[in-house]
Amino acid sequence: MTEAWEAAVEAQIRGALQRGEFDNLSGMGKPIPGRGLPYDESWWIKSFLEREALPSDLLLPTPLQLRRRIEQVPHEVRDLPTEQSVRDFVATLNAQIVAWLRNPEGPRVVVRPVNADDVVRRWRAEHTPPADRTSAVPAAPAPRRARRSAWSWLPWRRNRVS
């Protein structure tokens, strides 16, 4: 049975060679990738991630993925247009964290929900223009106070202003 199968496959290969279907293939003349390197059991998944341009974070267990997302929150909310969109983003992330906390899988890693108020406070600080740029009229300089000497902290020199 297997001999008949092998003969049929060989016949198809010979026919394809005669028709020229193996000529000018994309990898022709190029070295085999990974040749000479030690064997890696997960070579196929690494090549899949590279070929599909997927992040390697997908291989991490859920708690580590969540921790990584928590670390990236300031970068991810930076370009969001409104405070409500920042709060929605944090709420979605917190829902994922709470879902994992209810049914934890993987290594025991501490993962806590993100404080939305802290994220919004940082977001506001980045999106609020500095006070110098907001006012068109320059502010009047502050009145000058009398300057105390370096020794004014001494009790017998308190009332003296130089």
N, C-alpha and C. Protein backbone atom coordinates (compact mmCIF):
# COMPACT_ATOMS: atom_id res chain seq x y z
N MET A 1 0.83 -1.19 0.00
CA MET A 1 0.00 0.00 0.00
C MET A 1 0.87 1.24 0.00
N THR A 2 1.87 1.28 0.91
CA THR A 2 2.71 2.46 0.96
C THR A 2 3.57 2.59 -0.29
N GLU A 3 3.95 1.46 -0.89
CA GLU A 3 4.76 1.53 -2.12
C GLU A 3 3.95 2.17 -3.24
N ALA A 4 2.68 1.88 -3.33
CA ALA A 4 1.83 2.49 -4.35
C ALA A 4 1.69 3.98 -4.09
N TRP A 5 1.57 4.33 -2.81
CA TRP A 5 1.45 5.75 -2.45
C TRP A 5 2.73 6.51 -2.81
N GLU A 6 3.89 5.92 -2.46
CA GLU A 6 5.16 6.56 -2.76
C GLU A 6 5.36 6.68 -4.27
N ALA A 7 4.96 5.67 -5.02
CA ALA A 7 5.10 5.71 -6.47
C ALA A 7 4.24 6.84 -7.05
N ALA A 8 3.04 7.03 -6.54
CA ALA A 8 2.16 8.09 -7.03
C ALA A 8 2.75 9.47 -6.73
N VAL A 9 3.32 9.61 -5.54
CA VAL A 9 3.92 10.90 -5.17
C VAL A 9 5.13 11.18 -6.04
N GLU A 10 5.99 10.17 -6.22
CA GLU A 10 7.17 10.33 -7.07
C GLU A 10 6.77 10.69 -8.50
N ALA A 11 5.71 10.10 -8.99
CA ALA A 11 5.25 10.41 -10.35
C ALA A 11 4.80 11.87 -10.43
N GLN A 12 4.13 12.37 -9.44
CA GLN A 12 3.70 13.77 -9.44
C GLN A 12 4.90 14.72 -9.37
N ILE A 13 5.90 14.35 -8.58
CA ILE A 13 7.10 15.19 -8.47
C ILE A 13 7.83 15.23 -9.82
N ARG A 14 8.01 14.07 -10.45
CA ARG A 14 8.67 14.01 -11.75
C ARG A 14 7.92 14.85 -12.79
N GLY A 15 6.60 14.76 -12.76
CA GLY A 15 5.80 15.55 -13.71
C GLY A 15 5.96 17.04 -13.47
N ALA A 16 6.00 17.46 -12.21
CA ALA A 16 6.18 18.88 -11.90
C ALA A 16 7.56 19.36 -12.32
N LEU A 17 8.59 18.52 -12.14
CA LEU A 17 9.93 18.87 -12.58
C LEU A 17 9.99 19.05 -14.09
N GLN A 18 9.36 18.17 -14.83
CA GLN A 18 9.35 18.26 -16.29
C GLN A 18 8.60 19.51 -16.77
N ARG A 19 7.54 19.89 -16.07
CA ARG A 19 6.79 21.09 -16.45
C ARG A 19 7.51 22.37 -16.02
N GLY A 20 8.54 22.27 -15.15
CA GLY A 20 9.29 23.43 -14.70
C GLY A 20 8.66 24.16 -13.54
N GLU A 21 7.81 23.49 -12.79
CA GLU A 21 7.13 24.15 -11.67
C GLU A 21 8.06 24.42 -10.49
N PHE A 22 9.21 23.77 -10.45
CA PHE A 22 10.16 24.01 -9.36
C PHE A 22 11.25 25.00 -9.75
N ASP A 23 11.20 25.53 -10.97
CA ASP A 23 12.20 26.51 -11.41
C ASP A 23 11.86 27.89 -10.85
N ASN A 24 12.89 28.63 -10.50
CA ASN A 24 12.75 30.02 -10.03
C ASN A 24 11.84 30.17 -8.81
N LEU A 25 11.98 29.30 -7.83
CA LEU A 25 11.23 29.45 -6.58
C LEU A 25 11.86 30.57 -5.74
N SER A 26 11.09 31.14 -4.84
CA SER A 26 11.56 32.30 -4.08
C SER A 26 12.77 32.00 -3.21
N GLY A 27 12.92 30.82 -2.69
CA GLY A 27 14.05 30.49 -1.81
C GLY A 27 15.21 29.84 -2.53
N MET A 28 15.17 29.76 -3.84
CA MET A 28 16.20 29.05 -4.60
C MET A 28 17.56 29.74 -4.45
N GLY A 29 18.56 28.97 -4.10
CA GLY A 29 19.91 29.48 -3.97
C GLY A 29 20.20 30.13 -2.64
N LYS A 30 19.22 30.25 -1.77
CA LYS A 30 19.42 30.87 -0.46
C LYS A 30 19.68 29.78 0.56
N PRO A 31 20.49 30.09 1.59
CA PRO A 31 20.74 29.07 2.62
C PRO A 31 19.47 28.80 3.43
N ILE A 32 19.40 27.63 3.98
CA ILE A 32 18.26 27.26 4.82
C ILE A 32 18.37 28.01 6.14
N PRO A 33 17.32 28.76 6.53
CA PRO A 33 17.42 29.52 7.77
C PRO A 33 17.60 28.61 8.98
N GLY A 34 18.49 29.01 9.89
CA GLY A 34 18.70 28.25 11.11
C GLY A 34 19.66 27.09 10.96
N ARG A 35 20.18 26.87 9.77
CA ARG A 35 21.11 25.76 9.58
C ARG A 35 22.40 26.06 10.32
N GLY A 36 22.90 25.12 11.08
CA GLY A 36 24.12 25.29 11.84
C GLY A 36 23.87 25.77 13.27
N LEU A 37 22.63 26.15 13.57
CA LEU A 37 22.29 26.58 14.93
C LEU A 37 21.80 25.38 15.72
N PRO A 38 21.91 25.43 17.05
CA PRO A 38 21.38 24.32 17.84
C PRO A 38 19.87 24.22 17.68
N TYR A 39 19.36 23.02 17.85
CA TYR A 39 17.93 22.77 17.65
C TYR A 39 17.11 23.51 18.70
N ASP A 40 16.06 24.18 18.26
CA ASP A 40 15.16 24.90 19.15
C ASP A 40 13.77 24.29 18.97
N GLU A 41 13.19 23.82 20.07
CA GLU A 41 11.89 23.16 19.98
C GLU A 41 10.78 24.09 19.50
N SER A 42 10.90 25.36 19.80
CA SER A 42 9.83 26.29 19.43
C SER A 42 10.19 27.12 18.19
N TRP A 43 11.00 26.56 17.29
CA TRP A 43 11.40 27.29 16.10
C TRP A 43 10.21 27.68 15.25
N TRP A 44 9.22 26.81 15.21
CA TRP A 44 8.08 27.06 14.33
C TRP A 44 7.23 28.22 14.83
N ILE A 45 7.05 28.33 16.15
CA ILE A 45 6.23 29.44 16.66
C ILE A 45 6.99 30.75 16.57
N LYS A 46 8.31 30.71 16.78
CA LYS A 46 9.11 31.93 16.61
C LYS A 46 9.09 32.41 15.18
N SER A 47 9.21 31.48 14.24
CA SER A 47 9.17 31.89 12.83
C SER A 47 7.77 32.39 12.45
N PHE A 48 6.72 31.80 13.03
CA PHE A 48 5.36 32.28 12.76
C PHE A 48 5.17 33.70 13.26
N LEU A 49 5.63 33.98 14.50
CA LEU A 49 5.51 35.33 15.04
C LEU A 49 6.29 36.34 14.21
N GLU A 50 7.47 35.95 13.76
CA GLU A 50 8.28 36.84 12.93
C GLU A 50 7.63 37.06 11.58
N ARG A 51 7.15 36.00 10.95
CA ARG A 51 6.55 36.09 9.63
C ARG A 51 5.27 36.92 9.64
N GLU A 52 4.46 36.76 10.69
CA GLU A 52 3.19 37.47 10.78
C GLU A 52 3.32 38.82 11.49
N ALA A 53 4.53 39.18 11.91
CA ALA A 53 4.81 40.44 12.61
C ALA A 53 3.93 40.59 13.85
N LEU A 54 3.85 39.52 14.64
CA LEU A 54 3.08 39.53 15.88
C LEU A 54 4.03 39.78 17.05
N PRO A 55 3.56 40.45 18.10
CA PRO A 55 4.44 40.67 19.25
C PRO A 55 4.69 39.38 20.02
N SER A 56 5.86 39.27 20.59
CA SER A 56 6.20 38.07 21.34
C SER A 56 5.47 38.03 22.68
N ASP A 57 4.79 39.12 23.06
CA ASP A 57 4.02 39.14 24.31
C ASP A 57 2.91 38.10 24.29
N LEU A 58 2.49 37.68 23.13
CA LEU A 58 1.42 36.69 23.04
C LEU A 58 1.81 35.36 23.66
N LEU A 59 3.11 35.12 23.81
CA LEU A 59 3.57 33.86 24.40
C LEU A 59 3.57 33.89 25.92
N LEU A 60 3.44 35.08 26.50
CA LEU A 60 3.48 35.20 27.96
C LEU A 60 2.19 34.69 28.58
N PRO A 61 2.26 34.20 29.82
CA PRO A 61 1.04 33.84 30.53
C PRO A 61 0.22 35.10 30.84
N THR A 62 -1.06 34.91 31.08
CA THR A 62 -2.00 36.02 31.25
C THR A 62 -1.56 37.05 32.30
N PRO A 63 -1.12 36.65 33.50
CA PRO A 63 -0.76 37.69 34.47
C PRO A 63 0.41 38.56 34.00
N LEU A 64 1.35 37.96 33.30
CA LEU A 64 2.48 38.75 32.81
C LEU A 64 2.05 39.66 31.65
N GLN A 65 1.12 39.20 30.83
CA GLN A 65 0.58 40.07 29.78
C GLN A 65 -0.12 41.27 30.41
N LEU A 66 -0.89 41.02 31.47
CA LEU A 66 -1.58 42.12 32.15
C LEU A 66 -0.60 43.08 32.79
N ARG A 67 0.44 42.56 33.43
CA ARG A 67 1.45 43.44 34.03
C ARG A 67 2.12 44.30 32.97
N ARG A 68 2.41 43.71 31.83
CA ARG A 68 3.04 44.48 30.75
C ARG A 68 2.10 45.56 30.24
N ARG A 69 0.80 45.24 30.12
CA ARG A 69 -0.17 46.25 29.67
C ARG A 69 -0.29 47.37 30.69
N ILE A 70 -0.23 47.03 32.00
CA ILE A 70 -0.30 48.06 33.04
C ILE A 70 0.91 49.00 32.92
N GLU A 71 2.09 48.45 32.66
CA GLU A 71 3.28 49.28 32.49
C GLU A 71 3.16 50.21 31.29
N GLN A 72 2.44 49.78 30.26
CA GLN A 72 2.34 50.56 29.03
C GLN A 72 1.16 51.52 29.02
N VAL A 73 0.38 51.57 30.09
CA VAL A 73 -0.80 52.45 30.13
C VAL A 73 -0.46 53.91 29.83
N PRO A 74 0.56 54.50 30.46
CA PRO A 74 0.84 55.91 30.16
C PRO A 74 1.13 56.17 28.68
N HIS A 75 1.80 55.22 28.03
CA HIS A 75 2.11 55.39 26.61
C HIS A 75 0.87 55.21 25.75
N GLU A 76 -0.01 54.30 26.15
CA GLU A 76 -1.19 54.02 25.35
C GLU A 76 -2.25 55.11 25.46
N VAL A 77 -2.35 55.77 26.61
CA VAL A 77 -3.38 56.81 26.77
C VAL A 77 -2.88 58.18 26.34
N ARG A 78 -1.61 58.31 26.06
CA ARG A 78 -1.03 59.61 25.73
C ARG A 78 -1.75 60.29 24.56
N ASP A 79 -2.12 59.54 23.54
CA ASP A 79 -2.71 60.12 22.34
C ASP A 79 -4.23 60.12 22.35
N LEU A 80 -4.85 59.66 23.42
CA LEU A 80 -6.31 59.67 23.47
C LEU A 80 -6.81 61.11 23.59
N PRO A 81 -7.94 61.42 22.92
CA PRO A 81 -8.36 62.82 22.82
C PRO A 81 -9.05 63.39 24.05
N THR A 82 -9.80 62.56 24.79
CA THR A 82 -10.59 63.10 25.89
C THR A 82 -10.34 62.32 27.18
N GLU A 83 -10.74 62.96 28.27
CA GLU A 83 -10.61 62.31 29.58
C GLU A 83 -11.50 61.07 29.65
N GLN A 84 -12.67 61.15 29.04
CA GLN A 84 -13.59 60.01 29.07
C GLN A 84 -12.99 58.81 28.32
N SER A 85 -12.30 59.05 27.22
CA SER A 85 -11.67 57.95 26.49
C SER A 85 -10.56 57.31 27.33
N VAL A 86 -9.84 58.12 28.12
CA VAL A 86 -8.82 57.58 29.02
C VAL A 86 -9.48 56.70 30.08
N ARG A 87 -10.58 57.21 30.66
CA ARG A 87 -11.29 56.43 31.68
C ARG A 87 -11.85 55.13 31.08
N ASP A 88 -12.36 55.17 29.84
CA ASP A 88 -12.88 53.97 29.19
C ASP A 88 -11.77 52.95 28.97
N PHE A 89 -10.60 53.43 28.55
CA PHE A 89 -9.47 52.53 28.34
C PHE A 89 -9.09 51.83 29.65
N VAL A 90 -9.00 52.62 30.73
CA VAL A 90 -8.63 52.05 32.03
C VAL A 90 -9.71 51.09 32.52
N ALA A 91 -10.98 51.43 32.27
CA ALA A 91 -12.07 50.55 32.70
C ALA A 91 -12.01 49.21 31.96
N THR A 92 -11.68 49.24 30.67
CA THR A 92 -11.56 47.99 29.91
C THR A 92 -10.42 47.14 30.44
N LEU A 93 -9.29 47.78 30.71
CA LEU A 93 -8.14 47.05 31.26
C LEU A 93 -8.47 46.49 32.63
N ASN A 94 -9.12 47.28 33.47
CA ASN A 94 -9.49 46.80 34.80
C ASN A 94 -10.48 45.65 34.74
N ALA A 95 -11.38 45.66 33.76
CA ALA A 95 -12.31 44.54 33.59
C ALA A 95 -11.55 43.25 33.27
N GLN A 96 -10.51 43.35 32.44
CA GLN A 96 -9.69 42.18 32.12
C GLN A 96 -8.93 41.70 33.36
N ILE A 97 -8.43 42.66 34.14
CA ILE A 97 -7.69 42.29 35.35
C ILE A 97 -8.61 41.60 36.35
N VAL A 98 -9.81 42.15 36.55
CA VAL A 98 -10.76 41.55 37.50
C VAL A 98 -11.18 40.17 37.02
N ALA A 99 -11.38 40.01 35.71
CA ALA A 99 -11.75 38.69 35.18
C ALA A 99 -10.64 37.68 35.48
N TRP A 100 -9.38 38.10 35.34
CA TRP A 100 -8.29 37.18 35.65
C TRP A 100 -8.22 36.90 37.15
N LEU A 101 -8.45 37.93 37.98
CA LEU A 101 -8.40 37.73 39.42
C LEU A 101 -9.47 36.76 39.91
N ARG A 102 -10.60 36.73 39.24
CA ARG A 102 -11.67 35.81 39.63
C ARG A 102 -11.33 34.36 39.31
N ASN A 103 -10.57 34.17 38.23
CA ASN A 103 -10.21 32.81 37.83
C ASN A 103 -8.75 32.82 37.40
N PRO A 104 -7.80 32.90 38.35
CA PRO A 104 -6.39 33.03 37.98
C PRO A 104 -5.83 31.76 37.37
N GLU A 105 -5.06 31.96 36.32
CA GLU A 105 -4.33 30.87 35.67
C GLU A 105 -2.89 31.30 35.53
N GLY A 106 -2.00 30.34 35.47
CA GLY A 106 -0.60 30.67 35.25
C GLY A 106 0.13 30.95 36.54
N PRO A 107 1.30 31.58 36.42
CA PRO A 107 2.10 31.83 37.63
C PRO A 107 1.42 32.82 38.55
N ARG A 108 1.76 32.72 39.82
CA ARG A 108 1.18 33.64 40.81
C ARG A 108 1.98 34.94 40.78
N VAL A 109 1.39 35.92 40.13
CA VAL A 109 2.00 37.24 39.99
C VAL A 109 0.99 38.24 40.51
N VAL A 110 1.46 39.22 41.27
CA VAL A 110 0.55 40.23 41.81
C VAL A 110 0.13 41.16 40.67
N VAL A 111 -1.18 41.23 40.45
CA VAL A 111 -1.75 42.12 39.45
C VAL A 111 -2.91 42.84 40.12
N ARG A 112 -2.84 44.15 40.14
CA ARG A 112 -3.90 44.95 40.76
C ARG A 112 -4.54 45.84 39.71
N PRO A 113 -5.82 46.17 39.89
CA PRO A 113 -6.47 47.10 38.96
C PRO A 113 -5.77 48.46 38.97
N VAL A 114 -5.89 49.15 37.84
CA VAL A 114 -5.24 50.45 37.67
C VAL A 114 -6.16 51.53 38.23
N ASN A 115 -5.59 52.50 38.93
CA ASN A 115 -6.35 53.62 39.48
C ASN A 115 -6.60 54.62 38.35
N ALA A 116 -7.85 54.75 37.94
CA ALA A 116 -8.20 55.61 36.82
C ALA A 116 -7.91 57.08 37.12
N ASP A 117 -8.11 57.50 38.36
CA ASP A 117 -7.86 58.90 38.70
C ASP A 117 -6.39 59.27 38.54
N ASP A 118 -5.48 58.36 38.92
CA ASP A 118 -4.05 58.63 38.74
C ASP A 118 -3.69 58.74 37.27
N VAL A 119 -4.25 57.84 36.45
CA VAL A 119 -3.96 57.86 35.02
C VAL A 119 -4.49 59.15 34.41
N VAL A 120 -5.70 59.56 34.79
CA VAL A 120 -6.28 60.79 34.25
C VAL A 120 -5.47 61.99 34.72
N ARG A 121 -5.00 61.98 35.94
CA ARG A 121 -4.19 63.09 36.45
C ARG A 121 -2.90 63.23 35.63
N ARG A 122 -2.24 62.12 35.37
CA ARG A 122 -1.03 62.17 34.53
C ARG A 122 -1.35 62.61 33.11
N TRP A 123 -2.48 62.11 32.58
CA TRP A 123 -2.89 62.48 31.22
C TRP A 123 -3.15 63.98 31.14
N ARG A 124 -3.84 64.53 32.14
CA ARG A 124 -4.10 65.98 32.17
C ARG A 124 -2.80 66.77 32.23
N ALA A 125 -1.86 66.30 33.04
CA ALA A 125 -0.60 67.02 33.16
C ALA A 125 0.13 67.09 31.82
N GLU A 126 0.02 66.04 31.03
CA GLU A 126 0.66 66.05 29.72
C GLU A 126 -0.11 66.89 28.70
N HIS A 127 -1.43 66.98 28.85
CA HIS A 127 -2.25 67.68 27.86
C HIS A 127 -2.57 69.12 28.23
N THR A 128 -2.28 69.55 29.44
CA THR A 128 -2.52 70.93 29.84
C THR A 128 -1.34 71.76 29.38
N PRO A 129 -1.59 72.81 28.59
CA PRO A 129 -0.47 73.63 28.15
C PRO A 129 0.13 74.39 29.32
N PRO A 130 1.40 74.67 29.28
CA PRO A 130 2.03 75.40 30.37
C PRO A 130 1.39 76.79 30.52
N ALA A 131 1.44 77.34 31.72
CA ALA A 131 0.79 78.62 32.00
C ALA A 131 1.41 79.76 31.19
N ASP A 132 2.68 79.67 30.86
CA ASP A 132 3.34 80.74 30.10
C ASP A 132 2.72 80.90 28.72
N ARG A 133 2.28 79.79 28.10
CA ARG A 133 1.75 79.84 26.75
C ARG A 133 0.28 80.24 26.72
N THR A 134 -0.45 80.05 27.80
CA THR A 134 -1.89 80.30 27.77
C THR A 134 -2.23 81.77 27.87
N SER A 135 -1.46 82.54 28.61
CA SER A 135 -1.80 83.95 28.76
C SER A 135 -1.09 84.77 27.70
N ALA A 136 -1.86 85.61 27.00
CA ALA A 136 -1.29 86.45 25.96
C ALA A 136 -0.59 87.65 26.58
N VAL A 137 -1.11 88.15 27.71
CA VAL A 137 -0.51 89.30 28.39
C VAL A 137 0.52 88.79 29.37
N PRO A 138 1.74 89.32 29.29
CA PRO A 138 2.74 88.83 30.24
C PRO A 138 2.38 89.26 31.65
N ALA A 139 2.65 88.37 32.59
CA ALA A 139 2.32 88.65 33.98
C ALA A 139 3.30 89.68 34.54
N ALA A 140 2.80 90.53 35.45
CA ALA A 140 3.65 91.54 36.08
C ALA A 140 4.64 90.85 37.00
N PRO A 141 5.85 91.36 37.07
CA PRO A 141 6.82 90.71 37.95
C PRO A 141 6.40 90.86 39.40
N ALA A 142 6.74 89.88 40.18
CA ALA A 142 6.40 89.89 41.60
C ALA A 142 7.22 90.96 42.30
N PRO A 143 6.63 91.61 43.31
CA PRO A 143 7.40 92.65 44.03
C PRO A 143 8.58 92.02 44.75
N ARG A 144 9.64 92.75 44.78
CA ARG A 144 10.86 92.24 45.41
C ARG A 144 10.75 92.38 46.91
N ARG A 145 11.09 91.32 47.58
CA ARG A 145 11.11 91.33 49.04
C ARG A 145 12.50 91.67 49.51
N ALA A 146 12.53 92.18 50.69
CA ALA A 146 13.84 92.48 51.28
C ALA A 146 14.58 91.16 51.47
N ARG A 147 15.81 91.18 51.13
CA ARG A 147 16.62 89.96 51.22
C ARG A 147 17.25 89.86 52.60
N ARG A 148 17.17 88.67 53.16
CA ARG A 148 17.77 88.44 54.47
C ARG A 148 19.18 87.92 54.27
N SER A 149 19.99 88.20 55.22
CA SER A 149 21.37 87.71 55.13
C SER A 149 21.38 86.22 55.45
N ALA A 150 22.48 85.62 55.18
CA ALA A 150 22.63 84.18 55.42
C ALA A 150 22.56 83.86 56.90
N TRP A 151 22.81 84.86 57.77
CA TRP A 151 22.82 84.64 59.21
C TRP A 151 21.50 85.05 59.86
N SER A 152 20.47 85.32 59.08
CA SER A 152 19.23 85.83 59.66
C SER A 152 18.49 84.79 60.49
N TRP A 153 18.86 83.57 60.41
CA TRP A 153 18.19 82.53 61.20
C TRP A 153 18.64 82.54 62.65
N LEU A 154 19.73 83.19 62.93
CA LEU A 154 20.21 83.25 64.31
C LEU A 154 19.26 84.09 65.15
N PRO A 155 18.97 83.68 66.38
CA PRO A 155 17.98 84.38 67.19
C PRO A 155 18.30 85.86 67.43
N TRP A 156 19.55 86.23 67.64
CA TRP A 156 19.87 87.62 67.94
C TRP A 156 19.89 88.48 66.68
N ARG A 157 19.71 87.88 65.46
CA ARG A 157 19.73 88.65 64.23
C ARG A 157 18.38 88.58 63.51
N ARG A 158 17.33 88.14 64.16
CA ARG A 158 16.03 87.91 63.51
C ARG A 158 15.43 89.19 62.93
N ASN A 159 15.47 90.22 63.62
CA ASN A 159 14.78 91.43 63.18
C ASN A 159 15.59 92.27 62.23
N ARG A 160 16.79 91.90 61.99
CA ARG A 160 17.64 92.69 61.11
C ARG A 160 17.49 92.22 59.68
N VAL A 161 17.26 93.11 58.80
CA VAL A 161 17.14 92.80 57.38
C VAL A 161 18.24 93.57 56.67
N SER A 162 19.00 92.91 55.87
CA SER A 162 20.07 93.59 55.17
C SER A 162 19.75 93.76 53.72
